[in-house]
Amino acid sequence: MRYEKEKVERVQSMMRKEGVDCLVCRNSENVLYFSGYWPIRGWSFSVVPAEGDPILLAPDYEVEFTEKAWARDVRMYTGKPYEDASRLLKEVGVKGKVGYEGSFELIAGNAIGVENAHVGFQHLEFLKKSLPSSELVDATDLILEMRKLKTPAEIEAMRLAADLSGEGLGSAHFVLDEGVKETQVAAACEKTIYEEGFGYKGKATVARAFAFVMSGPNSLRAPRPYNISSQRKIRAGDAVLIELNTCVDGYWCDLTRTWVVGVPSEEQKKVWELLLAGQNAAISAVRDGIDAIEVDEAARKAVRKGGYEFPPFLGHGIGVACHEPPFIKPGSEDKLHPNYLHSVEPGIAKPSIGGMRIEDIVLDKSRGGESISTFHRDL
């Protein structure tokens, strides 16, 4: 992967502005962000100095995967992670104010989806022992601020994830029918992404998908953060909502579609048109420096015209994690700028129609936004 020169310069400029001399990261999403390498298990480190090249330290059993890294200084270790990392910090002369991931309560999944090693108190103890003369500071907010702005390479990676998501949704839509179980629809979606994602378009290495299908009365639970697909058999007239989280080489896409089996009711069609209008209004409202709450309000205003409201959440940033700043909702203090990527996902749930939501990933521009999602929005 091509060296991310502009990203490194921007990151280091932000570090110097905050007086941070070095970042030492171990959460897989941040190792990826600062090196271009998505760890398999989570026992890798990124050392980012305020001057000079970032360093990637990875275990030797993952050596073939580090070939995708854009970091120019890649080092492998064979021993115990903290011992080798401690030697590296001393070798490169890390000192001064050192930032670490002190407040990451939620972390993105890893490539294998199980036992993802992540930062805990052991990481802080390792830093204290390795750098006794340094000032250790929680750099979580600084790192999340860095991650808001996407580089051209990151935008390309997320377009790839969006395209692959469309392949999965197409398979889910194909099997959708009366009498089919929610789990069967979810499985068709995930199966396609798993089968096609490894090597997708000659660019992807590892792909994962998590599809959550909710039908009929189950779709009323859609406003909850996550719902698990069930054995319920889909019936005619059901609203069937599928929430799809796809990850390609560590970069995420988050799409939602709603379909009706058979002929939609008049109210279902009306609500769907309002949701589309709300999403379009939010995308059109994007401007450089606009308050996120203004974009949220643009969507709500469009939906209110039809006499409906949607829950107090319209969107979230996305990148090396599925959910990250900026957040687009009432009370948000975030602003939007060109090359931010985030979801726009208005939804309405009521017993007479079921749960209905439309979600796409939007690339912010100076005036207006662009949906990078490629799958159709038909009901």
Protein backbone atom coordinates (compact mmCIF):
# COMPACT_ATOMS: atom_id res chain seq x y z
CA MET A 1 0.00 0.00 0.00
CA ARG A 2 1.25 3.47 -0.82
CA TYR A 3 2.77 5.42 2.07
CA GLU A 4 0.16 7.75 3.61
CA LYS A 5 2.40 10.83 3.67
CA GLU A 6 -0.38 13.41 4.06
CA LYS A 7 -2.01 11.45 6.87
CA VAL A 8 1.27 11.12 8.77
CA GLU A 9 1.99 14.84 8.41
CA ARG A 10 -1.51 15.77 9.60
CA VAL A 11 -1.36 13.34 12.54
CA GLN A 12 2.03 14.60 13.63
CA SER A 13 0.93 18.22 13.32
CA MET A 14 -2.02 17.48 15.63
CA MET A 15 0.30 15.73 18.06
CA ARG A 16 2.68 18.68 18.20
CA LYS A 17 -0.24 21.06 18.71
CA GLU A 18 -1.31 19.00 21.76
CA GLY A 19 2.26 18.65 23.01
CA VAL A 20 2.26 14.87 22.52
CA ASP A 21 5.70 13.50 21.65
CA CYS A 22 4.66 9.95 20.80
CA LEU A 23 1.61 7.70 20.53
CA VAL A 24 1.84 4.03 21.48
CA CYS A 25 -1.24 2.12 20.31
CA ARG A 26 -2.27 -1.53 20.48
CA ASN A 27 -5.99 -1.66 19.71
CA SER A 28 -6.25 -3.27 16.28
CA GLU A 29 -8.27 -0.42 14.79
CA ASN A 30 -5.61 2.13 15.76
CA VAL A 31 -2.72 -0.05 14.64
CA LEU A 32 -4.50 -0.21 11.29
CA TYR A 33 -5.09 3.53 11.24
CA PHE A 34 -1.46 4.39 11.95
CA SER A 35 0.19 1.70 9.82
CA GLY A 36 -2.19 0.30 7.18
CA TYR A 37 -1.92 -3.15 8.79
CA TRP A 38 -5.01 -4.83 10.28
CA PRO A 39 -3.77 -7.21 13.00
CA ILE A 40 -5.06 -10.75 13.01
CA ARG A 41 -5.17 -11.22 16.78
CA GLY A 42 -4.38 -7.83 18.28
CA TRP A 43 -0.83 -8.35 19.52
CA SER A 44 0.71 -5.63 17.36
CA PHE A 45 1.83 -2.12 18.23
CA SER A 46 1.98 1.21 16.43
CA VAL A 47 4.57 3.68 17.68
CA VAL A 48 3.94 7.12 16.21
CA PRO A 49 6.51 9.83 16.98
CA ALA A 50 5.74 13.51 16.49
CA GLU A 51 8.73 13.54 14.13
CA GLY A 52 9.87 10.73 11.85
CA ASP A 53 8.23 7.58 10.52
CA PRO A 54 5.60 5.56 12.39
CA ILE A 55 6.78 2.10 13.42
CA LEU A 56 4.75 -1.10 13.20
CA LEU A 57 5.72 -3.94 15.54
CA ALA A 58 3.95 -7.22 14.72
CA PRO A 59 4.37 -10.91 15.67
CA ASP A 60 6.32 -13.02 13.22
CA TYR A 61 3.40 -15.41 12.73
CA GLU A 62 1.54 -12.61 10.95
CA VAL A 63 4.43 -11.58 8.70
CA GLU A 64 2.66 -12.30 5.39
CA PHE A 65 -0.25 -10.06 6.36
CA THR A 66 1.98 -7.10 7.13
CA GLU A 67 2.72 -6.78 3.43
CA LYS A 68 -0.41 -4.61 3.16
CA ALA A 69 0.99 -2.06 5.61
CA TRP A 70 1.87 1.39 4.29
CA ALA A 71 4.18 2.05 7.24
CA ARG A 72 7.77 2.05 6.02
CA ASP A 73 9.30 0.86 9.29
CA VAL A 74 7.90 -2.62 9.96
CA ARG A 75 9.52 -4.81 12.60
CA MET A 76 8.67 -8.36 13.62
CA TYR A 77 9.07 -9.99 17.03
CA THR A 78 9.23 -13.62 18.11
CA GLY A 79 9.12 -13.40 21.90
CA LYS A 80 6.65 -12.00 24.41
CA PRO A 81 4.74 -8.96 23.10
CA TYR A 82 5.30 -6.54 25.98
CA GLU A 83 8.95 -7.46 26.38
CA ASP A 84 9.71 -6.88 22.70
CA ALA A 85 7.63 -3.71 22.63
CA SER A 86 9.49 -2.41 25.69
CA ARG A 87 12.82 -3.03 23.96
CA LEU A 88 11.57 -1.17 20.89
CA LEU A 89 10.50 1.89 22.90
CA LYS A 90 13.93 2.09 24.50
CA GLU A 91 15.69 1.44 21.20
CA VAL A 92 13.97 4.30 19.39
CA GLY A 93 14.29 6.64 22.38
CA VAL A 94 10.63 7.31 23.18
CA LYS A 95 10.37 10.01 25.82
CA GLY A 96 8.42 13.10 26.88
CA LYS A 97 4.62 13.11 26.78
CA VAL A 98 3.38 9.74 25.52
CA GLY A 99 -0.23 9.17 24.51
CA TYR A 100 -2.04 5.87 24.93
CA GLU A 101 -5.57 4.50 24.36
CA GLY A 102 -6.91 5.03 27.86
CA SER A 103 -10.65 5.36 27.22
CA PHE A 104 -11.56 3.01 24.38
CA GLU A 105 -14.48 1.15 25.92
CA LEU A 106 -15.72 -0.10 22.53
CA ILE A 107 -13.29 -1.57 20.03
CA ALA A 108 -13.74 -2.90 16.52
CA GLY A 109 -13.59 -6.63 15.88
CA ASN A 110 -10.47 -8.22 14.44
CA ALA A 111 -9.88 -10.25 11.31
CA ILE A 112 -10.75 -13.61 12.86
CA GLY A 113 -13.64 -12.37 14.99
CA VAL A 114 -12.64 -14.14 18.21
CA GLU A 115 -10.46 -13.24 21.19
CA ASN A 116 -9.39 -9.84 19.96
CA ALA A 117 -6.61 -8.68 22.28
CA HIS A 118 -7.10 -5.07 23.32
CA VAL A 119 -5.77 -2.40 25.63
CA GLY A 120 -6.32 -2.97 29.34
CA PHE A 121 -4.50 -2.17 32.55
CA GLN A 122 -1.62 -4.43 31.44
CA HIS A 123 -0.86 -2.07 28.57
CA LEU A 124 -0.66 0.89 30.92
CA GLU A 125 1.58 -1.04 33.30
CA PHE A 126 3.85 -1.95 30.41
CA LEU A 127 4.14 1.74 29.48
CA LYS A 128 4.84 2.78 33.06
CA LYS A 129 7.63 0.24 33.42
CA SER A 130 9.09 0.88 29.98
CA LEU A 131 8.94 4.68 30.16
CA PRO A 132 9.39 5.60 33.84
CA SER A 133 10.50 9.15 33.01
CA SER A 134 7.71 9.89 30.54
CA GLU A 135 4.37 11.58 31.16
CA LEU A 136 1.60 9.21 30.10
CA VAL A 137 -1.61 10.83 28.84
CA ASP A 138 -4.90 9.44 27.62
CA ALA A 139 -4.93 10.27 23.89
CA THR A 140 -8.32 8.73 23.09
CA ASP A 141 -10.02 12.01 22.14
CA LEU A 142 -7.04 13.07 20.03
CA ILE A 143 -6.99 9.76 18.16
CA LEU A 144 -10.73 9.86 17.50
CA GLU A 145 -10.41 13.42 16.21
CA MET A 146 -7.65 12.30 13.84
CA ARG A 147 -9.80 9.47 12.53
CA LYS A 148 -12.70 11.71 11.48
CA LEU A 149 -10.95 12.94 8.34
CA LYS A 150 -10.49 10.23 5.72
CA THR A 151 -7.66 10.07 3.20
CA PRO A 152 -8.24 9.13 -0.47
CA ALA A 153 -6.93 5.62 0.30
CA GLU A 154 -9.38 5.24 3.18
CA ILE A 155 -12.28 6.50 1.08
CA GLU A 156 -11.38 3.96 -1.61
CA ALA A 157 -11.26 1.20 1.02
CA MET A 158 -14.70 2.16 2.28
CA ARG A 159 -16.15 2.31 -1.23
CA LEU A 160 -14.90 -1.24 -1.67
CA ALA A 161 -16.68 -2.28 1.53
CA ALA A 162 -19.86 -0.55 0.33
CA ASP A 163 -19.73 -2.34 -3.03
CA LEU A 164 -19.27 -5.71 -1.32
CA SER A 165 -22.14 -4.91 1.03
CA GLY A 166 -24.34 -4.45 -2.02
CA GLU A 167 -23.44 -7.96 -3.19
CA GLY A 168 -24.58 -9.34 0.14
CA LEU A 169 -27.82 -7.37 0.15
CA GLY A 170 -28.56 -8.61 -3.36
CA SER A 171 -28.33 -12.21 -2.17
CA ALA A 172 -30.51 -11.48 0.85
CA HIS A 173 -33.14 -9.85 -1.34
CA PHE A 174 -33.07 -12.79 -3.76
CA VAL A 175 -33.99 -15.38 -1.11
CA LEU A 176 -36.54 -13.14 0.66
CA ASP A 177 -39.99 -14.72 0.44
CA GLU A 178 -42.96 -15.81 2.48
CA GLY A 179 -42.05 -18.77 4.70
CA VAL A 180 -38.30 -18.08 4.68
CA LYS A 181 -36.70 -17.68 8.11
CA GLU A 182 -34.90 -14.52 9.20
CA THR A 183 -31.75 -16.56 9.75
CA GLN A 184 -31.88 -17.83 6.17
CA VAL A 185 -31.95 -14.28 4.82
CA ALA A 186 -29.07 -13.27 7.09
CA ALA A 187 -27.09 -16.37 6.12
CA ALA A 188 -27.50 -15.72 2.40
CA CYS A 189 -26.15 -12.20 2.89
CA GLU A 190 -23.18 -13.21 5.03
CA LYS A 191 -22.38 -16.22 2.81
CA THR A 192 -22.01 -14.07 -0.30
CA ILE A 193 -19.80 -11.54 1.43
CA TYR A 194 -17.59 -14.27 2.88
CA GLU A 195 -17.34 -16.13 -0.44
CA GLU A 196 -16.81 -13.07 -2.62
CA GLY A 197 -14.99 -10.81 -0.18
CA PHE A 198 -11.65 -12.60 -0.02
CA GLY A 199 -9.92 -11.14 -3.08
CA TYR A 200 -12.92 -8.96 -3.98
CA LYS A 201 -12.15 -6.91 -7.12
CA GLY A 202 -8.54 -7.96 -6.75
CA LYS A 203 -8.13 -5.63 -3.77
CA ALA A 204 -9.54 -7.19 -0.59
CA THR A 205 -7.69 -9.68 1.60
CA VAL A 206 -10.11 -10.41 4.46
CA ALA A 207 -13.85 -9.68 4.60
CA ARG A 208 -16.41 -10.23 7.34
CA ALA A 209 -20.13 -9.48 7.57
CA PHE A 210 -22.74 -9.40 10.31
CA ALA A 211 -26.34 -9.32 9.07
CA PHE A 212 -29.25 -8.75 11.47
CA VAL A 213 -32.68 -9.50 10.00
CA MET A 214 -35.90 -8.42 11.71
CA SER A 215 -39.33 -9.16 10.26
CA GLY A 216 -42.92 -8.29 11.16
CA PRO A 217 -43.26 -7.66 14.92
CA ASN A 218 -39.53 -8.30 15.37
CA SER A 219 -38.79 -5.27 13.19
CA LEU A 220 -40.30 -3.03 15.88
CA ARG A 221 -37.10 -3.68 17.84
CA ALA A 222 -35.03 -2.05 15.11
CA PRO A 223 -34.36 1.18 17.08
CA ARG A 224 -32.34 -0.87 19.58
CA PRO A 225 -28.57 -0.89 18.97
CA TYR A 226 -28.45 -4.54 17.83
CA ASN A 227 -30.90 -7.37 17.30
CA ILE A 228 -30.17 -11.00 16.52
CA SER A 229 -31.90 -12.74 13.61
CA SER A 230 -34.45 -15.31 14.73
CA GLN A 231 -36.09 -18.50 13.45
CA ARG A 232 -39.28 -16.57 12.71
CA LYS A 233 -40.74 -17.32 9.28
CA ILE A 234 -41.48 -14.24 7.22
CA ARG A 235 -45.12 -13.59 6.29
CA ALA A 236 -46.82 -11.70 3.48
CA GLY A 237 -47.07 -7.98 4.25
CA ASP A 238 -44.16 -8.06 6.70
CA ALA A 239 -41.68 -5.26 6.79
CA VAL A 240 -38.28 -7.00 6.74
CA LEU A 241 -35.41 -4.85 7.97
CA ILE A 242 -31.82 -5.96 7.44
CA GLU A 243 -29.00 -4.20 9.28
CA LEU A 244 -25.68 -5.09 7.65
CA ASN A 245 -22.20 -4.38 9.06
CA THR A 246 -19.43 -5.31 6.63
CA CYS A 247 -15.69 -5.08 7.24
CA VAL A 248 -13.08 -5.29 4.47
CA ASP A 249 -9.46 -5.30 5.63
CA GLY A 250 -10.44 -3.37 8.74
CA TYR A 251 -12.60 -0.67 7.12
CA TRP A 252 -16.33 -0.79 7.76
CA CYS A 253 -19.58 -0.21 5.95
CA ASP A 254 -22.96 0.01 7.71
CA LEU A 255 -26.11 -0.30 5.58
CA THR A 256 -29.76 -0.89 6.34
CA ARG A 257 -32.54 -1.73 3.92
CA THR A 258 -36.21 -2.48 4.47
CA TRP A 259 -38.31 -4.61 2.14
CA VAL A 260 -41.95 -5.66 2.23
CA VAL A 261 -42.93 -9.19 1.23
CA GLY A 262 -45.78 -8.91 -1.22
CA VAL A 263 -47.53 -5.58 -1.79
CA PRO A 264 -46.68 -2.78 0.66
CA SER A 265 -49.59 -1.08 2.39
CA GLU A 266 -50.31 2.54 1.61
CA GLU A 267 -48.94 3.56 5.00
CA GLN A 268 -45.76 1.57 4.45
CA LYS A 269 -45.25 3.28 1.10
CA LYS A 270 -45.91 6.69 2.62
CA VAL A 271 -43.45 6.12 5.46
CA TRP A 272 -40.79 4.81 3.09
CA GLU A 273 -41.07 7.91 0.92
CA LEU A 274 -40.76 10.10 4.00
CA LEU A 275 -37.64 8.24 5.12
CA LEU A 276 -36.09 8.66 1.69
CA ALA A 277 -36.99 12.36 1.77
CA GLY A 278 -35.42 12.71 5.21
CA GLN A 279 -32.24 10.97 4.14
CA ASN A 280 -31.99 13.07 0.98
CA ALA A 281 -32.58 16.27 2.95
CA ALA A 282 -29.78 15.41 5.37
CA ILE A 283 -27.35 14.61 2.57
CA SER A 284 -28.21 17.83 0.74
CA ALA A 285 -27.80 19.89 3.93
CA VAL A 286 -24.13 18.95 4.34
CA ARG A 287 -21.75 21.91 4.18
CA ASP A 288 -18.16 22.47 5.23
CA GLY A 289 -18.24 23.34 8.94
CA ILE A 290 -21.97 22.75 9.44
CA ASP A 291 -23.14 21.69 12.88
CA ALA A 292 -24.18 18.04 12.90
CA ILE A 293 -27.42 19.01 14.66
CA GLU A 294 -28.42 21.07 11.60
CA VAL A 295 -28.08 18.03 9.35
CA ASP A 296 -30.11 16.01 11.86
CA GLU A 297 -32.81 18.69 11.90
CA ALA A 298 -32.99 18.79 8.08
CA ALA A 299 -33.95 15.11 8.09
CA ARG A 300 -36.47 15.55 10.90
CA LYS A 301 -38.13 18.49 9.18
CA ALA A 302 -38.69 16.43 6.04
CA VAL A 303 -40.17 13.52 7.99
CA ARG A 304 -42.37 15.77 10.15
CA LYS A 305 -44.13 17.03 7.03
CA GLY A 306 -45.79 13.64 6.84
CA GLY A 307 -46.75 13.67 10.51
CA TYR A 308 -44.03 11.31 11.77
CA GLU A 309 -40.96 11.47 13.99
CA PHE A 310 -37.93 9.20 14.17
CA PRO A 311 -35.76 8.29 17.20
CA PRO A 312 -33.14 10.77 18.45
CA PHE A 313 -30.29 9.45 16.35
CA LEU A 314 -29.58 10.04 12.66
CA GLY A 315 -26.01 8.96 12.08
CA HIS A 316 -22.51 8.15 13.22
CA GLY A 317 -19.00 8.33 11.84
CA ILE A 318 -17.45 5.20 10.41
CA GLY A 319 -14.00 4.06 9.37
CA VAL A 320 -11.69 1.64 11.18
CA ALA A 321 -14.60 1.16 13.59
CA CYS A 322 -18.25 0.77 12.69
CA HIS A 323 -19.33 3.48 15.13
CA GLU A 324 -17.11 6.48 15.88
CA PRO A 325 -17.36 10.29 15.86
CA PRO A 326 -18.83 12.44 14.45
CA PHE A 327 -22.36 11.77 15.73
CA ILE A 328 -25.38 13.30 14.02
CA LYS A 329 -28.16 13.65 16.54
CA PRO A 330 -29.86 16.26 18.74
CA GLY A 331 -27.38 17.74 21.18
CA SER A 332 -24.31 16.72 19.19
CA GLU A 333 -21.40 19.15 19.40
CA ASP A 334 -19.71 17.77 16.28
CA LYS A 335 -19.23 19.66 13.04
CA LEU A 336 -18.94 18.13 9.58
CA HIS A 337 -16.18 18.78 7.05
CA PRO A 338 -15.22 17.49 3.61
CA ASN A 339 -13.96 13.88 3.57
CA TYR A 340 -15.79 12.90 6.72
CA LEU A 341 -17.72 9.66 6.30
CA HIS A 342 -20.82 8.85 8.32
CA SER A 343 -24.15 7.10 8.18
CA VAL A 344 -27.52 8.74 7.58
CA GLU A 345 -30.21 6.40 8.88
CA PRO A 346 -33.72 7.72 9.60
CA GLY A 347 -36.17 5.08 10.78
CA ILE A 348 -39.76 4.79 11.98
CA ALA A 349 -41.29 1.90 13.91
CA LYS A 350 -44.99 1.43 14.70
CA PRO A 351 -47.21 -1.66 14.88
CA SER A 352 -49.27 -0.78 11.80
CA ILE A 353 -46.23 -0.78 9.49
CA GLY A 354 -43.45 -2.56 11.39
CA GLY A 355 -39.96 -1.19 11.75
CA MET A 356 -38.62 0.63 8.69
CA ARG A 357 -35.19 2.21 8.23
CA ILE A 358 -32.93 3.29 5.40
CA GLU A 359 -29.20 3.67 6.04
CA ASP A 360 -26.39 4.68 3.72
CA ILE A 361 -22.81 5.87 4.15
CA VAL A 362 -22.25 9.46 3.09
CA LEU A 363 -19.05 11.19 2.04
CA ASP A 364 -19.17 14.85 3.02
CA LYS A 365 -18.13 17.49 0.49
CA SER A 366 -17.91 21.28 0.62
CA ARG A 367 -21.52 21.51 -0.50
CA GLY A 368 -23.69 18.45 -0.12
CA GLY A 369 -22.77 14.84 0.44
CA GLU A 370 -22.39 11.74 -1.72
CA SER A 371 -23.77 8.35 -0.83
CA ILE A 372 -21.02 5.81 -1.45
CA SER A 373 -23.52 2.97 -1.04
CA THR A 374 -24.34 1.31 -4.35
CA PHE A 375 -27.36 -0.89 -3.57
CA HIS A 376 -30.84 0.27 -4.58
CA ARG A 377 -33.22 1.86 -2.10
CA ASP A 378 -36.46 0.33 -3.36
CA LEU A 379 -39.02 -0.91 -0.87
